[in-house]
Amino acid sequence: MSSQNLVTDPHAYTSKDLLLLTQLLHGESLIQPEEVVNADLSDIGKQWFEHKSTQLSRGIKEFPLSKAPSGPQVLKLYENMLEENEKCSTTTDLANNYYFKRVAELETRLSQDKDRFKHLLE
């Protein structure tokens, strides 16, 4: 996979990282796709890359980028996220989608940790 494709492929990121990106877009009131298309997304890419959560992901090799994505790369990633999540038509929809995916991941992890703990006590 080329580095350009990696940057814009939602599968290259965790749901936690995609949730953060959608929250950053939402925080800038970029809700409708046409608002995202018409925005300068360079700062969003930089904020996303430099965020403490992303730094943690990079530290454990879960975040695939070594530099902040450009504005056009953020836009293409956003468009790919919408395309992949057909039920989503806005940034809010995407944020909710990734939020619930993240919650499900955390619930699964908690359940697994509980099971491991129970086995340790046996």
PDB file of N, CA and C in Angstrom:
ATOM      1  N   MET A   1       0.846  -1.175   0.000  1.00  0.00           N
ATOM      2  CA  MET A   1       0.000   0.000   0.000  1.00  0.00           C
ATOM      3  C   MET A   1       0.892   1.238   0.000  1.00  0.00           C
ATOM      4  N   SER A   2       0.628   2.178  -0.894  1.00  0.00           N
ATOM      5  CA  SER A   2       1.445   3.386  -0.950  1.00  0.00           C
ATOM      6  C   SER A   2       1.182   4.243   0.276  1.00  0.00           C
ATOM      7  N   SER A   3       2.129   5.130   0.583  1.00  0.00           N
ATOM      8  CA  SER A   3       1.960   5.962   1.774  1.00  0.00           C
ATOM      9  C   SER A   3       0.757   6.887   1.638  1.00  0.00           C
ATOM     10  N   GLN A   4       0.447   7.339   0.414  1.00  0.00           N
ATOM     11  CA  GLN A   4      -0.733   8.180   0.199  1.00  0.00           C
ATOM     12  C   GLN A   4      -1.996   7.392   0.533  1.00  0.00           C
ATOM     13  N   ASN A   5      -2.077   6.149   0.071  1.00  0.00           N
ATOM     14  CA  ASN A   5      -3.244   5.324   0.371  1.00  0.00           C
ATOM     15  C   ASN A   5      -3.347   5.026   1.861  1.00  0.00           C
ATOM     16  N   LEU A   6      -2.220   4.802   2.502  1.00  0.00           N
ATOM     17  CA  LEU A   6      -2.211   4.531   3.931  1.00  0.00           C
ATOM     18  C   LEU A   6      -2.802   5.705   4.704  1.00  0.00           C
ATOM     19  N   VAL A   7      -2.422   6.907   4.335  1.00  0.00           N
ATOM     20  CA  VAL A   7      -2.888   8.110   5.029  1.00  0.00           C
ATOM     21  C   VAL A   7      -4.399   8.247   4.942  1.00  0.00           C
ATOM     22  N   THR A   8      -4.972   7.875   3.810  1.00  0.00           N
ATOM     23  CA  THR A   8      -6.398   8.118   3.567  1.00  0.00           C
ATOM     24  C   THR A   8      -7.270   6.873   3.736  1.00  0.00           C
ATOM     25  N   ASP A   9      -6.692   5.790   4.226  1.00  0.00           N
ATOM     26  CA  ASP A   9      -7.436   4.541   4.423  1.00  0.00           C
ATOM     27  C   ASP A   9      -7.917   4.447   5.868  1.00  0.00           C
ATOM     28  N   PRO A  10      -9.224   4.505   6.106  1.00  0.00           N
ATOM     29  CA  PRO A  10      -9.718   4.412   7.486  1.00  0.00           C
ATOM     30  C   PRO A  10      -9.285   3.137   8.207  1.00  0.00           C
ATOM     31  N   HIS A  11      -9.045   2.058   7.468  1.00  0.00           N
ATOM     32  CA  HIS A  11      -8.634   0.799   8.097  1.00  0.00           C
ATOM     33  C   HIS A  11      -7.234   0.872   8.700  1.00  0.00           C
ATOM     34  N   ALA A  12      -6.468   1.906   8.348  1.00  0.00           N
ATOM     35  CA  ALA A  12      -5.114   2.051   8.868  1.00  0.00           C
ATOM     36  C   ALA A  12      -5.101   2.610  10.296  1.00  0.00           C
ATOM     37  N   TYR A  13      -6.259   3.043  10.780  1.00  0.00           N
ATOM     38  CA  TYR A  13      -6.353   3.713  12.076  1.00  0.00           C
ATOM     39  C   TYR A  13      -7.257   2.938  13.030  1.00  0.00           C
ATOM     40  N   THR A  14      -7.078   3.194  14.309  1.00  0.00           N
ATOM     41  CA  THR A  14      -7.974   2.615  15.306  1.00  0.00           C
ATOM     42  C   THR A  14      -9.257   3.443  15.362  1.00  0.00           C
ATOM     43  N   SER A  15     -10.298   2.851  15.899  1.00  0.00           N
ATOM     44  CA  SER A  15     -11.545   3.604  16.060  1.00  0.00           C
ATOM     45  C   SER A  15     -11.329   4.784  17.010  1.00  0.00           C
ATOM     46  N   LYS A  16     -10.438   4.636  17.970  1.00  0.00           N
ATOM     47  CA  LYS A  16     -10.119   5.734  18.894  1.00  0.00           C
ATOM     48  C   LYS A  16      -9.558   6.926  18.122  1.00  0.00           C
ATOM     49  N   ASP A  17      -8.655   6.660  17.184  1.00  0.00           N
ATOM     50  CA  ASP A  17      -8.049   7.743  16.410  1.00  0.00           C
ATOM     51  C   ASP A  17      -9.051   8.386  15.455  1.00  0.00           C
ATOM     52  N   LEU A  18      -9.916   7.576  14.853  1.00  0.00           N
ATOM     53  CA  LEU A  18     -10.927   8.131  13.949  1.00  0.00           C
ATOM     54  C   LEU A  18     -11.988   8.904  14.732  1.00  0.00           C
ATOM     55  N   LEU A  19     -12.308   8.450  15.931  1.00  0.00           N
ATOM     56  CA  LEU A  19     -13.222   9.202  16.788  1.00  0.00           C
ATOM     57  C   LEU A  19     -12.633  10.575  17.090  1.00  0.00           C
ATOM     58  N   LEU A  20     -11.376  10.617  17.438  1.00  0.00           N
ATOM     59  CA  LEU A  20     -10.727  11.893  17.731  1.00  0.00           C
ATOM     60  C   LEU A  20     -10.774  12.816  16.519  1.00  0.00           C
ATOM     61  N   LEU A  21     -10.483  12.298  15.341  1.00  0.00           N
ATOM     62  CA  LEU A  21     -10.527  13.131  14.136  1.00  0.00           C
ATOM     63  C   LEU A  21     -11.922  13.711  13.935  1.00  0.00           C
ATOM     64  N   THR A  22     -12.945  12.890  14.080  1.00  0.00           N
ATOM     65  CA  THR A  22     -14.307  13.401  13.884  1.00  0.00           C
ATOM     66  C   THR A  22     -14.666  14.414  14.970  1.00  0.00           C
ATOM     67  N   GLN A  23     -14.171  14.227  16.177  1.00  0.00           N
ATOM     68  CA  GLN A  23     -14.425  15.197  17.241  1.00  0.00           C
ATOM     69  C   GLN A  23     -13.743  16.531  16.940  1.00  0.00           C
ATOM     70  N   LEU A  24     -12.542  16.479  16.393  1.00  0.00           N
ATOM     71  CA  LEU A  24     -11.852  17.717  16.023  1.00  0.00           C
ATOM     72  C   LEU A  24     -12.607  18.455  14.919  1.00  0.00           C
ATOM     73  N   LEU A  25     -13.085  17.711  13.931  1.00  0.00           N
ATOM     74  CA  LEU A  25     -13.882  18.328  12.866  1.00  0.00           C
ATOM     75  C   LEU A  25     -15.158  18.928  13.448  1.00  0.00           C
ATOM     76  N   HIS A  26     -15.812  18.175  14.304  1.00  0.00           N
ATOM     77  CA  HIS A  26     -17.058  18.639  14.921  1.00  0.00           C
ATOM     78  C   HIS A  26     -16.809  19.892  15.762  1.00  0.00           C
ATOM     79  N   GLY A  27     -15.703  19.918  16.469  1.00  0.00           N
ATOM     80  CA  GLY A  27     -15.343  21.070  17.295  1.00  0.00           C
ATOM     81  C   GLY A  27     -15.146  22.341  16.493  1.00  0.00           C
ATOM     82  N   GLU A  28     -14.839  22.186  15.221  1.00  0.00           N
ATOM     83  CA  GLU A  28     -14.687  23.334  14.314  1.00  0.00           C
ATOM     84  C   GLU A  28     -15.983  23.609  13.561  1.00  0.00           C
ATOM     85  N   SER A  29     -17.068  22.970  13.990  1.00  0.00           N
ATOM     86  CA  SER A  29     -18.401  23.119  13.364  1.00  0.00           C
ATOM     87  C   SER A  29     -18.413  22.681  11.905  1.00  0.00           C
ATOM     88  N   LEU A  30     -17.590  21.704  11.577  1.00  0.00           N
ATOM     89  CA  LEU A  30     -17.555  21.134  10.226  1.00  0.00           C
ATOM     90  C   LEU A  30     -18.426  19.880  10.253  1.00  0.00           C
ATOM     91  N   ILE A  31     -19.728  20.091  10.126  1.00  0.00           N
ATOM     92  CA  ILE A  31     -20.702  19.022  10.308  1.00  0.00           C
ATOM     93  C   ILE A  31     -21.108  18.393   8.977  1.00  0.00           C
ATOM     94  N   GLN A  32     -21.498  19.222   8.039  1.00  0.00           N
ATOM     95  CA  GLN A  32     -21.940  18.740   6.731  1.00  0.00           C
ATOM     96  C   GLN A  32     -20.725  18.487   5.838  1.00  0.00           C
ATOM     97  N   PRO A  33     -20.774  17.462   4.992  1.00  0.00           N
ATOM     98  CA  PRO A  33     -19.636  17.181   4.106  1.00  0.00           C
ATOM     99  C   PRO A  33     -19.186  18.388   3.281  1.00  0.00           C
ATOM    100  N   GLU A  34     -20.129  19.198   2.813  1.00  0.00           N
ATOM    101  CA  GLU A  34     -19.730  20.362   2.010  1.00  0.00           C
ATOM    102  C   GLU A  34     -18.958  21.381   2.848  1.00  0.00           C
ATOM    103  N   GLU A  35     -19.221  21.436   4.152  1.00  0.00           N
ATOM    104  CA  GLU A  35     -18.448  22.317   5.030  1.00  0.00           C
ATOM    105  C   GLU A  35     -17.022  21.798   5.167  1.00  0.00           C
ATOM    106  N   VAL A  36     -16.886  20.489   5.247  1.00  0.00           N
ATOM    107  CA  VAL A  36     -15.558  19.883   5.350  1.00  0.00           C
ATOM    108  C   VAL A  36     -14.787  20.104   4.052  1.00  0.00           C
ATOM    109  N   VAL A  37     -15.462  19.909   2.921  1.00  0.00           N
ATOM    110  CA  VAL A  37     -14.826  20.087   1.602  1.00  0.00           C
ATOM    111  C   VAL A  37     -14.298  21.506   1.441  1.00  0.00           C
ATOM    112  N   ASN A  38     -15.042  22.482   1.937  1.00  0.00           N
ATOM    113  CA  ASN A  38     -14.679  23.889   1.744  1.00  0.00           C
ATOM    114  C   ASN A  38     -13.753  24.440   2.820  1.00  0.00           C
ATOM    115  N   ALA A  39     -13.371  23.634   3.777  1.00  0.00           N
ATOM    116  CA  ALA A  39     -12.528  24.098   4.883  1.00  0.00           C
ATOM    117  C   ALA A  39     -11.053  23.831   4.600  1.00  0.00           C
ATOM    118  N   ASP A  40     -10.207  24.639   5.238  1.00  0.00           N
ATOM    119  CA  ASP A  40      -8.771  24.372   5.234  1.00  0.00           C
ATOM    120  C   ASP A  40      -8.520  23.396   6.383  1.00  0.00           C
ATOM    121  N   LEU A  41      -8.200  22.177   6.049  1.00  0.00           N
ATOM    122  CA  LEU A  41      -8.084  21.113   7.052  1.00  0.00           C
ATOM    123  C   LEU A  41      -6.657  20.886   7.542  1.00  0.00           C
ATOM    124  N   SER A  42      -5.728  21.731   7.107  1.00  0.00           N
ATOM    125  CA  SER A  42      -4.329  21.558   7.513  1.00  0.00           C
ATOM    126  C   SER A  42      -4.171  21.618   9.027  1.00  0.00           C
ATOM    127  N   ASP A  43      -4.851  22.585   9.663  1.00  0.00           N
ATOM    128  CA  ASP A  43      -4.755  22.700  11.121  1.00  0.00           C
ATOM    129  C   ASP A  43      -5.371  21.496  11.822  1.00  0.00           C
ATOM    130  N   ILE A  44      -6.460  20.976  11.253  1.00  0.00           N
ATOM    131  CA  ILE A  44      -7.091  19.782  11.835  1.00  0.00           C
ATOM    132  C   ILE A  44      -6.108  18.615  11.792  1.00  0.00           C
ATOM    133  N   GLY A  45      -5.443  18.429  10.649  1.00  0.00           N
ATOM    134  CA  GLY A  45      -4.456  17.355  10.530  1.00  0.00           C
ATOM    135  C   GLY A  45      -3.342  17.503  11.547  1.00  0.00           C
ATOM    136  N   LYS A  46      -2.899  18.741  11.744  1.00  0.00           N
ATOM    137  CA  LYS A  46      -1.827  18.998  12.704  1.00  0.00           C
ATOM    138  C   LYS A  46      -2.311  18.750  14.135  1.00  0.00           C
ATOM    139  N   GLN A  47      -3.519  19.242  14.474  1.00  0.00           N
ATOM    140  CA  GLN A  47      -4.077  19.020  15.816  1.00  0.00           C
ATOM    141  C   GLN A  47      -4.234  17.526  16.096  1.00  0.00           C
ATOM    142  N   TRP A  48      -4.722  16.802  15.101  1.00  0.00           N
ATOM    143  CA  TRP A  48      -4.932  15.366  15.250  1.00  0.00           C
ATOM    144  C   TRP A  48      -3.606  14.660  15.515  1.00  0.00           C
ATOM    145  N   PHE A  49      -2.604  15.002  14.713  1.00  0.00           N
ATOM    146  CA  PHE A  49      -1.300  14.359  14.827  1.00  0.00           C
ATOM    147  C   PHE A  49      -0.634  14.677  16.165  1.00  0.00           C
ATOM    148  N   GLU A  50      -0.798  15.914  16.645  1.00  0.00           N
ATOM    149  CA  GLU A  50      -0.107  16.350  17.859  1.00  0.00           C
ATOM    150  C   GLU A  50      -0.900  16.096  19.142  1.00  0.00           C
ATOM    151  N   HIS A  51      -2.129  15.634  19.036  1.00  0.00           N
ATOM    152  CA  HIS A  51      -2.963  15.389  20.214  1.00  0.00           C
ATOM    153  C   HIS A  51      -2.324  14.317  21.101  1.00  0.00           C
ATOM    154  N   LYS A  52      -2.491  14.467  22.409  1.00  0.00           N
ATOM    155  CA  LYS A  52      -1.891  13.509  23.350  1.00  0.00           C
ATOM    156  C   LYS A  52      -2.339  12.072  23.092  1.00  0.00           C
ATOM    157  N   SER A  53      -3.597  11.898  22.728  1.00  0.00           N
ATOM    158  CA  SER A  53      -4.099  10.551  22.430  1.00  0.00           C
ATOM    159  C   SER A  53      -3.369   9.947  21.233  1.00  0.00           C
ATOM    160  N   THR A  54      -3.164  10.761  20.206  1.00  0.00           N
ATOM    161  CA  THR A  54      -2.456  10.293  19.011  1.00  0.00           C
ATOM    162  C   THR A  54      -0.991  10.023  19.331  1.00  0.00           C
ATOM    163  N   GLN A  55      -0.410  10.858  20.178  1.00  0.00           N
ATOM    164  CA  GLN A  55       0.978  10.623  20.582  1.00  0.00           C
ATOM    165  C   GLN A  55       1.109   9.267  21.274  1.00  0.00           C
ATOM    166  N   LEU A  56       0.130   8.937  22.110  1.00  0.00           N
ATOM    167  CA  LEU A  56       0.143   7.620  22.761  1.00  0.00           C
ATOM    168  C   LEU A  56       0.025   6.505  21.724  1.00  0.00           C
ATOM    169  N   SER A  57      -0.867   6.683  20.760  1.00  0.00           N
ATOM    170  CA  SER A  57      -1.030   5.677  19.696  1.00  0.00           C
ATOM    171  C   SER A  57       0.261   5.516  18.906  1.00  0.00           C
ATOM    172  N   ARG A  58       0.914   6.631  18.620  1.00  0.00           N
ATOM    173  CA  ARG A  58       2.187   6.549  17.889  1.00  0.00           C
ATOM    174  C   ARG A  58       3.234   5.832  18.729  1.00  0.00           C
ATOM    175  N   GLY A  59       3.229   6.097  20.020  1.00  0.00           N
ATOM    176  CA  GLY A  59       4.211   5.483  20.914  1.00  0.00           C
ATOM    177  C   GLY A  59       4.107   3.971  20.972  1.00  0.00           C
ATOM    178  N   ILE A  60       2.904   3.449  20.773  1.00  0.00           N
ATOM    179  CA  ILE A  60       2.735   1.989  20.789  1.00  0.00           C
ATOM    180  C   ILE A  60       2.514   1.445  19.374  1.00  0.00           C
ATOM    181  N   LYS A  61       2.889   2.247  18.405  1.00  0.00           N
ATOM    182  CA  LYS A  61       2.878   1.849  16.983  1.00  0.00           C
ATOM    183  C   LYS A  61       1.477   1.519  16.459  1.00  0.00           C
ATOM    184  N   GLU A  62       0.440   2.183  16.998  1.00  0.00           N
ATOM    185  CA  GLU A  62      -0.917   1.990  16.492  1.00  0.00           C
ATOM    186  C   GLU A  62      -1.316   3.071  15.495  1.00  0.00           C
ATOM    187  N   PHE A  63      -0.557   4.150  15.435  1.00  0.00           N
ATOM    188  CA  PHE A  63      -0.867   5.249  14.517  1.00  0.00           C
ATOM    189  C   PHE A  63       0.147   5.185  13.389  1.00  0.00           C
ATOM    190  N   PRO A  64      -0.316   5.071  12.134  1.00  0.00           N
ATOM    191  CA  PRO A  64       0.592   4.746  11.034  1.00  0.00           C
ATOM    192  C   PRO A  64       1.415   5.900  10.472  1.00  0.00           C
ATOM    193  N   LEU A  65       1.145   7.124  10.887  1.00  0.00           N
ATOM    194  CA  LEU A  65       1.804   8.265  10.251  1.00  0.00           C
ATOM    195  C   LEU A  65       2.996   8.759  11.057  1.00  0.00           C
ATOM    196  N   SER A  66       4.015   9.226  10.337  1.00  0.00           N
ATOM    197  CA  SER A  66       5.184   9.796  10.997  1.00  0.00           C
ATOM    198  C   SER A  66       5.188  11.314  10.915  1.00  0.00           C
ATOM    199  N   LYS A  67       4.229  11.879  10.185  1.00  0.00           N
ATOM    200  CA  LYS A  67       4.064  13.335  10.132  1.00  0.00           C
ATOM    201  C   LYS A  67       2.580  13.637   9.959  1.00  0.00           C
ATOM    202  N   ALA A  68       2.220  14.869  10.274  1.00  0.00           N
ATOM    203  CA  ALA A  68       0.810  15.267  10.210  1.00  0.00           C
ATOM    204  C   ALA A  68       0.289  15.160   8.782  1.00  0.00           C
ATOM    205  N   PRO A  69      -0.943  14.689   8.620  1.00  0.00           N
ATOM    206  CA  PRO A  69      -1.525  14.629   7.278  1.00  0.00           C
ATOM    207  C   PRO A  69      -1.847  16.036   6.776  1.00  0.00           C
ATOM    208  N   SER A  70      -1.764  16.206   5.483  1.00  0.00           N
ATOM    209  CA  SER A  70      -2.094  17.492   4.864  1.00  0.00           C
ATOM    210  C   SER A  70      -3.609  17.683   4.856  1.00  0.00           C
ATOM    211  N   GLY A  71      -4.035  18.905   4.580  1.00  0.00           N
ATOM    212  CA  GLY A  71      -5.465  19.178   4.465  1.00  0.00           C
ATOM    213  C   GLY A  71      -6.152  18.288   3.443  1.00  0.00           C
ATOM    214  N   PRO A  72      -5.608  18.182   2.217  1.00  0.00           N
ATOM    215  CA  PRO A  72      -6.232  17.291   1.230  1.00  0.00           C
ATOM    216  C   PRO A  72      -6.257  15.824   1.669  1.00  0.00           C
ATOM    217  N   GLN A  73      -5.264  15.389   2.405  1.00  0.00           N
ATOM    218  CA  GLN A  73      -5.256  14.009   2.903  1.00  0.00           C
ATOM    219  C   GLN A  73      -6.345  13.804   3.958  1.00  0.00           C
ATOM    220  N   VAL A  74      -6.535  14.786   4.833  1.00  0.00           N
ATOM    221  CA  VAL A  74      -7.608  14.698   5.831  1.00  0.00           C
ATOM    222  C   VAL A  74      -8.957  14.645   5.124  1.00  0.00           C
ATOM    223  N   LEU A  75      -9.123  15.474   4.098  1.00  0.00           N
ATOM    224  CA  LEU A  75     -10.382  15.482   3.345  1.00  0.00           C
ATOM    225  C   LEU A  75     -10.639  14.122   2.707  1.00  0.00           C
ATOM    226  N   LYS A  76      -9.636  13.543   2.065  1.00  0.00           N
ATOM    227  CA  LYS A  76      -9.810  12.243   1.414  1.00  0.00           C
ATOM    228  C   LYS A  76     -10.116  11.160   2.449  1.00  0.00           C
ATOM    229  N   LEU A  77      -9.448  11.207   3.587  1.00  0.00           N
ATOM    230  CA  LEU A  77      -9.738  10.253   4.659  1.00  0.00           C
ATOM    231  C   LEU A  77     -11.188  10.408   5.111  1.00  0.00           C
ATOM    232  N   TYR A  78     -11.641  11.634   5.292  1.00  0.00           N
ATOM    233  CA  TYR A  78     -13.027  11.909   5.695  1.00  0.00           C
ATOM    234  C   TYR A  78     -13.999  11.350   4.661  1.00  0.00           C
ATOM    235  N   GLU A  79     -13.732  11.612   3.399  1.00  0.00           N
ATOM    236  CA  GLU A  79     -14.598  11.096   2.331  1.00  0.00           C
ATOM    237  C   GLU A  79     -14.620   9.568   2.348  1.00  0.00           C
ATOM    238  N   ASN A  80     -13.470   8.958   2.573  1.00  0.00           N
ATOM    239  CA  ASN A  80     -13.402   7.493   2.647  1.00  0.00           C
ATOM    240  C   ASN A  80     -14.151   6.958   3.871  1.00  0.00           C
ATOM    241  N   MET A  81     -14.103   7.697   4.962  1.00  0.00           N
ATOM    242  CA  MET A  81     -14.847   7.297   6.158  1.00  0.00           C
ATOM    243  C   MET A  81     -16.348   7.321   5.876  1.00  0.00           C
ATOM    244  N   LEU A  82     -16.810   8.361   5.193  1.00  0.00           N
ATOM    245  CA  LEU A  82     -18.232   8.437   4.836  1.00  0.00           C
ATOM    246  C   LEU A  82     -18.617   7.306   3.889  1.00  0.00           C
ATOM    247  N   GLU A  83     -17.746   7.041   2.923  1.00  0.00           N
ATOM    248  CA  GLU A  83     -18.023   5.979   1.950  1.00  0.00           C
ATOM    249  C   GLU A  83     -18.088   4.611   2.632  1.00  0.00           C
ATOM    250  N   GLU A  84     -17.189   4.383   3.551  1.00  0.00           N
ATOM    251  CA  GLU A  84     -17.136   3.099   4.255  1.00  0.00           C
ATOM    252  C   GLU A  84     -18.324   2.916   5.204  1.00  0.00           C
ATOM    253  N   ASN A  85     -18.800   3.993   5.758  1.00  0.00           N
ATOM    254  CA  ASN A  85     -19.906   3.960   6.723  1.00  0.00           C
ATOM    255  C   ASN A  85     -21.147   4.529   6.056  1.00  0.00           C
ATOM    256  N   GLU A  86     -21.801   3.701   5.264  1.00  0.00           N
ATOM    257  CA  GLU A  86     -22.892   4.154   4.402  1.00  0.00           C
ATOM    258  C   GLU A  86     -24.050   4.786   5.160  1.00  0.00           C
ATOM    259  N   LYS A  87     -24.246   4.400   6.411  1.00  0.00           N
ATOM    260  CA  LYS A  87     -25.347   4.970   7.193  1.00  0.00           C
ATOM    261  C   LYS A  87     -25.017   6.366   7.715  1.00  0.00           C
ATOM    262  N   CYS A  88     -23.780   6.784   7.550  1.00  0.00           N
ATOM    263  CA  CYS A  88     -23.346   8.095   8.042  1.00  0.00           C
ATOM    264  C   CYS A  88     -23.340   9.107   6.903  1.00  0.00           C
ATOM    265  N   SER A  89     -23.916  10.276   7.166  1.00  0.00           N
ATOM    266  CA  SER A  89     -23.926  11.315   6.136  1.00  0.00           C
ATOM    267  C   SER A  89     -23.343  12.634   6.627  1.00  0.00           C
ATOM    268  N   THR A  90     -22.993  12.710   7.913  1.00  0.00           N
ATOM    269  CA  THR A  90     -22.421  13.936   8.469  1.00  0.00           C
ATOM    270  C   THR A  90     -21.276  13.584   9.416  1.00  0.00           C
ATOM    271  N   THR A  91     -20.554  14.603   9.822  1.00  0.00           N
ATOM    272  CA  THR A  91     -19.490  14.413  10.807  1.00  0.00           C
ATOM    273  C   THR A  91     -20.060  13.894  12.124  1.00  0.00           C
ATOM    274  N   THR A  92     -21.229  14.396  12.506  1.00  0.00           N
ATOM    275  CA  THR A  92     -21.868  13.936  13.740  1.00  0.00           C
ATOM    276  C   THR A  92     -22.179  12.448  13.667  1.00  0.00           C
ATOM    277  N   ASP A  93     -22.693  12.009  12.522  1.00  0.00           N
ATOM    278  CA  ASP A  93     -22.973  10.580  12.341  1.00  0.00           C
ATOM    279  C   ASP A  93     -21.698   9.751  12.483  1.00  0.00           C
ATOM    280  N   LEU A  94     -20.623  10.225  11.857  1.00  0.00           N
ATOM    281  CA  LEU A  94     -19.349   9.500  11.948  1.00  0.00           C
ATOM    282  C   LEU A  94     -18.848   9.464  13.389  1.00  0.00           C
ATOM    283  N   ALA A  95     -18.920  10.599  14.073  1.00  0.00           N
ATOM    284  CA  ALA A  95     -18.451  10.656  15.462  1.00  0.00           C
ATOM    285  C   ALA A  95     -19.241   9.679  16.332  1.00  0.00           C
ATOM    286  N   ASN A  96     -20.550   9.654  16.163  1.00  0.00           N
ATOM    287  CA  ASN A  96     -21.374   8.712  16.927  1.00  0.00           C
ATOM    288  C   ASN A  96     -21.014   7.271  16.594  1.00  0.00           C
ATOM    289  N   ASN A  97     -20.809   6.994  15.322  1.00  0.00           N
ATOM    290  CA  ASN A  97     -20.443   5.652  14.880  1.00  0.00           C
ATOM    291  C   ASN A  97     -19.134   5.201  15.532  1.00  0.00           C
ATOM    292  N   TYR A  98     -18.108   6.057  15.459  1.00  0.00           N
ATOM    293  CA  TYR A  98     -16.817   5.681  16.035  1.00  0.00           C
ATOM    294  C   TYR A  98     -16.867   5.667  17.560  1.00  0.00           C
ATOM    295  N   TYR A  99     -17.710   6.490  18.155  1.00  0.00           N
ATOM    296  CA  TYR A  99     -17.882   6.466  19.606  1.00  0.00           C
ATOM    297  C   TYR A  99     -18.415   5.102  20.050  1.00  0.00           C
ATOM    298  N   PHE A 100     -19.471   4.644  19.395  1.00  0.00           N
ATOM    299  CA  PHE A 100     -20.064   3.367  19.799  1.00  0.00           C
ATOM    300  C   PHE A 100     -19.143   2.188  19.482  1.00  0.00           C
ATOM    301  N   LYS A 101     -18.357   2.296  18.404  1.00  0.00           N
ATOM    302  CA  LYS A 101     -17.353   1.252  18.139  1.00  0.00           C
ATOM    303  C   LYS A 101     -16.322   1.221  19.261  1.00  0.00           C
ATOM    304  N   ARG A 102     -15.893   2.392  19.682  1.00  0.00           N
ATOM    305  CA  ARG A 102     -14.883   2.477  20.731  1.00  0.00           C
ATOM    306  C   ARG A 102     -15.426   1.941  22.055  1.00  0.00           C
ATOM    307  N   VAL A 103     -16.657   2.304  22.384  1.00  0.00           N
ATOM    308  CA  VAL A 103     -17.278   1.802  23.613  1.00  0.00           C
ATOM    309  C   VAL A 103     -17.353   0.275  23.575  1.00  0.00           C
ATOM    310  N   ALA A 104     -17.746  -0.288  22.435  1.00  0.00           N
ATOM    311  CA  ALA A 104     -17.829  -1.747  22.303  1.00  0.00           C
ATOM    312  C   ALA A 104     -16.452  -2.384  22.489  1.00  0.00           C
ATOM    313  N   GLU A 105     -15.417  -1.763  21.922  1.00  0.00           N
ATOM    314  CA  GLU A 105     -14.056  -2.281  22.102  1.00  0.00           C
ATOM    315  C   GLU A 105     -13.664  -2.282  23.578  1.00  0.00           C
ATOM    316  N   LEU A 106     -13.960  -1.185  24.257  1.00  0.00           N
ATOM    317  CA  LEU A 106     -13.608  -1.084  25.674  1.00  0.00           C
ATOM    318  C   LEU A 106     -14.396  -2.079  26.517  1.00  0.00           C
ATOM    319  N   GLU A 107     -15.674  -2.268  26.195  1.00  0.00           N
ATOM    320  CA  GLU A 107     -16.477  -3.249  26.929  1.00  0.00           C
ATOM    321  C   GLU A 107     -15.937  -4.658  26.730  1.00  0.00           C
ATOM    322  N   THR A 108     -15.539  -4.971  25.506  1.00  0.00           N
ATOM    323  CA  THR A 108     -14.951  -6.286  25.222  1.00  0.00           C
ATOM    324  C   THR A 108     -13.663  -6.472  26.008  1.00  0.00           C
ATOM    325  N   ARG A 109     -12.846  -5.442  26.016  1.00  0.00           N
ATOM    326  CA  ARG A 109     -11.577  -5.530  26.733  1.00  0.00           C
ATOM    327  C   ARG A 109     -11.806  -5.698  28.239  1.00  0.00           C
ATOM    328  N   LEU A 110     -12.763  -4.963  28.781  1.00  0.00           N
ATOM    329  CA  LEU A 110     -13.085  -5.112  30.206  1.00  0.00           C
ATOM    330  C   LEU A 110     -13.570  -6.520  30.520  1.00  0.00           C
ATOM    331  N   SER A 111     -14.406  -7.063  29.668  1.00  0.00           N
ATOM    332  CA  SER A 111     -14.919  -8.420  29.859  1.00  0.00           C
ATOM    333  C   SER A 111     -13.781  -9.436  29.834  1.00  0.00           C
ATOM    334  N   GLN A 112     -12.871  -9.265  28.880  1.00  0.00           N
ATOM    335  CA  GLN A 112     -11.723 -10.173  28.789  1.00  0.00           C
ATOM    336  C   GLN A 112     -10.842 -10.060  30.030  1.00  0.00           C
ATOM    337  N   ASP A 113     -10.629  -8.824  30.489  1.00  0.00           N
ATOM    338  CA  ASP A 113      -9.818  -8.626  31.690  1.00  0.00           C
ATOM    339  C   ASP A 113     -10.483  -9.243  32.917  1.00  0.00           C
ATOM    340  N   LYS A 114     -11.807  -9.133  33.012  1.00  0.00           N
ATOM    341  CA  LYS A 114     -12.535  -9.755  34.127  1.00  0.00           C
ATOM    342  C   LYS A 114     -12.363 -11.267  34.096  1.00  0.00           C
ATOM    343  N   ASP A 115     -12.481 -11.847  32.897  1.00  0.00           N
ATOM    344  CA  ASP A 115     -12.312 -13.295  32.760  1.00  0.00           C
ATOM    345  C   ASP A 115     -10.910 -13.726  33.171  1.00  0.00           C
ATOM    346  N   ARG A 116      -9.906 -12.984  32.739  1.00  0.00           N
ATOM    347  CA  ARG A 116      -8.528 -13.311  33.112  1.00  0.00           C
ATOM    348  C   ARG A 116      -8.336 -13.216  34.621  1.00  0.00           C
ATOM    349  N   PHE A 117      -8.907 -12.193  35.206  1.00  0.00           N
ATOM    350  CA  PHE A 117      -8.793 -12.009  36.647  1.00  0.00           C
ATOM    351  C   PHE A 117      -9.453 -13.168  37.397  1.00  0.00           C
ATOM    352  N   LYS A 118     -10.630 -13.576  36.942  1.00  0.00           N
ATOM    353  CA  LYS A 118     -11.326 -14.708  37.572  1.00  0.00           C
ATOM    354  C   LYS A 118     -10.480 -15.972  37.494  1.00  0.00           C
ATOM    355  N   HIS A 119      -9.841 -16.188  36.342  1.00  0.00           N
ATOM    356  CA  HIS A 119      -9.001 -17.379  36.176  1.00  0.00           C
ATOM    357  C   HIS A 119      -7.784 -17.327  37.099  1.00  0.00           C
ATOM    358  N   LEU A 120      -7.280 -16.143  37.341  1.00  0.00           N
ATOM    359  CA  LEU A 120      -6.145 -16.009  38.245  1.00  0.00           C
ATOM    360  C   LEU A 120      -6.531 -16.354  39.679  1.00  0.00           C
ATOM    361  N   LEU A 121      -7.767 -16.077  40.035  1.00  0.00           N
ATOM    362  CA  LEU A 121      -8.228 -16.333  41.401  1.00  0.00           C
ATOM    363  C   LEU A 121      -8.595 -17.786  41.640  1.00  0.00           C
ATOM    364  N   GLU A 122      -8.766 -18.553  40.587  1.00  0.00           N
ATOM    365  CA  GLU A 122      -9.166 -19.961  40.736  1.00  0.00           C
ATOM    366  C   GLU A 122      -8.019 -20.831  41.182  1.00  0.00           C
TER     367      GLU A 122
END
